[in-house]
Amino acid sequence: MKVRYKKALCGYEGKSDAAVYYFHPGLKQNLMREYVRPRDSSSTERHKKIMANLKQLCVSAGFKQNLKDYLIRYNQLKCNEEKPLLSWSNLFMKLMFAMQKALPEVDLAVLTREQIFAENLPCRSVKAAIDADLLPKVEYYERYDAEI
């Protein structure tokens, strides 16, 4: 949700009244979202392990740049106009969960870089993910071949 202030508080960021306020540099807008603390359950614990493991993959700078470049073209697609992705990390998560859905034998909670290369998984590069239909095709997607 876009935020409009009565008084000039453009630099305000933080939590207040069960809401989180922040400035998004990509959109150049102040945004607000409801602060929701997830309930403790087995699914949130699993999700927490998956996120920690994906962070430990330490993607390469080239792969990260490919995701950023792809993100621009991805957001220009007609089907993504309503809800564009805001950062490369969101796109990376979308890619990984799409891979898990397509290949149920892949467990994101224990996935390693060695396993990605040994099993030649489609998340190895953005181009491979597009070829495997994990991400939609965009113009000049052949350029996005840097490996994770």
Protein backbone atom coordinates (compact mmCIF):
# COMPACT_ATOMS: atom_id res chain seq x y z
CA MET A 1 0.00 0.00 0.00
CA LYS A 2 1.31 3.43 -0.92
CA VAL A 3 1.66 5.83 1.98
CA ARG A 4 0.84 9.53 1.92
CA TYR A 5 1.83 11.72 4.85
CA LYS A 6 -0.01 14.85 5.96
CA LYS A 7 3.27 16.35 7.07
CA ALA A 8 6.68 15.88 5.47
CA LEU A 9 7.84 12.60 7.02
CA CYS A 10 9.42 11.20 3.88
CA GLY A 11 12.28 9.51 5.69
CA TYR A 12 10.11 7.70 8.24
CA GLU A 13 10.77 3.97 8.46
CA GLY A 14 9.93 1.46 11.15
CA LYS A 15 7.07 -0.17 13.04
CA SER A 16 4.08 1.70 14.41
CA ASP A 17 0.56 0.62 15.33
CA ALA A 18 0.94 -2.95 13.99
CA ALA A 19 2.27 -1.65 10.64
CA VAL A 20 5.67 -1.48 9.00
CA TYR A 21 6.60 1.64 7.03
CA TYR A 22 9.50 1.69 4.59
CA PHE A 23 10.85 3.40 1.48
CA HIS A 24 11.37 1.22 -1.59
CA PRO A 25 14.17 2.68 -3.75
CA GLY A 26 13.15 0.70 -6.85
CA LEU A 27 9.62 2.12 -6.79
CA LYS A 28 10.74 5.43 -5.24
CA GLN A 29 7.73 5.31 -2.94
CA ASN A 30 6.93 5.00 0.73
CA LEU A 31 5.11 1.75 1.43
CA MET A 32 3.23 0.33 4.38
CA ARG A 33 2.35 -3.25 5.21
CA GLU A 34 0.70 -4.89 8.14
CA TYR A 35 3.12 -6.45 10.60
CA VAL A 36 2.20 -10.09 10.99
CA ARG A 37 4.07 -12.35 13.35
CA PRO A 38 3.81 -15.91 12.04
CA ARG A 39 2.38 -18.52 14.37
CA ASP A 40 4.76 -21.21 15.54
CA SER A 41 4.04 -24.44 13.69
CA SER A 42 5.89 -27.23 11.92
CA SER A 43 5.35 -25.57 8.52
CA THR A 44 6.85 -22.26 9.66
CA GLU A 45 9.83 -24.12 11.11
CA ARG A 46 10.34 -25.93 7.79
CA HIS A 47 10.03 -22.65 5.90
CA LYS A 48 12.58 -21.09 8.24
CA LYS A 49 15.04 -23.94 7.53
CA ILE A 50 14.51 -23.60 3.78
CA MET A 51 15.17 -19.84 3.87
CA ALA A 52 18.32 -20.30 5.97
CA ASN A 53 19.58 -22.99 3.59
CA LEU A 54 18.90 -20.94 0.45
CA LYS A 55 20.76 -18.03 1.98
CA GLN A 56 23.79 -20.32 2.53
CA LEU A 57 23.93 -21.13 -1.20
CA CYS A 58 25.72 -17.78 -1.70
CA VAL A 59 24.78 -17.12 -5.32
CA SER A 60 27.48 -15.70 -7.58
CA ALA A 61 27.60 -12.05 -8.62
CA GLY A 62 26.98 -12.99 -12.27
CA PHE A 63 23.90 -15.05 -11.38
CA LYS A 64 22.62 -12.21 -9.20
CA GLN A 65 23.10 -9.73 -12.07
CA ASN A 66 21.30 -12.09 -14.46
CA LEU A 67 18.36 -12.22 -12.06
CA LYS A 68 18.30 -8.41 -11.84
CA ASP A 69 18.37 -8.07 -15.64
CA TYR A 70 15.72 -10.77 -16.08
CA LEU A 71 13.55 -9.11 -13.43
CA ILE A 72 13.22 -5.96 -15.54
CA ARG A 73 11.96 -7.92 -18.53
CA TYR A 74 9.83 -10.18 -16.30
CA ASN A 75 7.99 -7.20 -14.84
CA GLN A 76 7.32 -5.87 -18.36
CA LEU A 77 5.38 -9.01 -19.30
CA LYS A 78 1.64 -8.42 -19.67
CA CYS A 79 0.76 -11.12 -17.10
CA ASN A 80 2.97 -9.50 -14.42
CA GLU A 81 1.81 -5.89 -14.76
CA GLU A 82 -0.59 -6.12 -11.82
CA LYS A 83 1.87 -7.53 -9.30
CA PRO A 84 5.53 -6.99 -10.27
CA LEU A 85 8.36 -8.53 -8.28
CA LEU A 86 10.44 -5.93 -6.49
CA SER A 87 13.86 -7.55 -6.08
CA TRP A 88 16.11 -10.26 -7.42
CA SER A 89 15.81 -12.23 -4.17
CA ASN A 90 12.03 -12.50 -4.63
CA LEU A 91 12.63 -13.86 -8.11
CA PHE A 92 15.23 -16.30 -6.76
CA MET A 93 12.73 -17.64 -4.20
CA LYS A 94 10.08 -17.94 -6.90
CA LEU A 95 12.53 -19.92 -9.03
CA MET A 96 13.53 -22.27 -6.21
CA PHE A 97 9.97 -23.02 -5.11
CA ALA A 98 8.92 -23.57 -8.75
CA MET A 99 11.78 -26.06 -9.06
CA GLN A 100 10.66 -27.86 -5.91
CA LYS A 101 7.14 -28.09 -7.31
CA ALA A 102 8.40 -29.44 -10.65
CA LEU A 103 10.91 -31.83 -9.03
CA PRO A 104 9.42 -33.08 -5.73
CA GLU A 105 12.52 -35.15 -4.95
CA VAL A 106 14.52 -31.93 -4.44
CA ASP A 107 14.47 -30.84 -0.80
CA LEU A 108 15.22 -27.14 -0.47
CA ALA A 109 15.99 -27.53 3.24
CA VAL A 110 19.14 -29.56 2.47
CA LEU A 111 20.01 -28.42 -1.08
CA THR A 112 23.71 -27.68 -1.65
CA ARG A 113 25.70 -26.11 -4.49
CA GLU A 114 27.40 -29.46 -5.09
CA GLN A 115 24.01 -31.15 -5.48
CA ILE A 116 22.88 -28.48 -7.96
CA PHE A 117 25.90 -29.11 -10.19
CA ALA A 118 26.01 -32.91 -9.70
CA GLU A 119 22.33 -33.40 -10.60
CA ASN A 120 22.38 -30.59 -13.22
CA LEU A 121 19.30 -28.99 -11.68
CA PRO A 122 17.48 -26.28 -13.69
CA CYS A 123 18.24 -23.62 -11.06
CA ARG A 124 21.87 -23.78 -12.17
CA SER A 125 21.31 -20.71 -14.36
CA VAL A 126 18.42 -18.43 -15.30
CA LYS A 127 18.58 -19.70 -18.89
CA ALA A 128 18.29 -23.32 -17.72
CA ALA A 129 15.34 -22.39 -15.50
CA ILE A 130 13.55 -20.73 -18.42
CA ASP A 131 14.26 -23.74 -20.66
CA ALA A 132 12.78 -25.99 -17.95
CA ASP A 133 9.64 -23.76 -17.83
CA LEU A 134 10.24 -22.69 -14.24
CA LEU A 135 10.21 -19.04 -15.32
CA PRO A 136 8.43 -17.45 -18.29
CA LYS A 137 10.39 -16.73 -21.45
CA VAL A 138 11.45 -13.17 -22.11
CA GLU A 139 13.27 -11.55 -24.99
CA TYR A 140 16.99 -12.40 -25.20
CA TYR A 141 16.81 -14.90 -22.32
CA GLU A 142 19.73 -16.82 -23.86
CA ARG A 143 22.08 -14.22 -22.38
CA TYR A 144 21.31 -15.24 -18.79
CA ASP A 145 23.73 -18.15 -18.58
CA ALA A 146 25.85 -17.29 -15.50
CA GLU A 147 25.87 -20.19 -13.06
CA ILE A 148 24.74 -20.07 -9.48
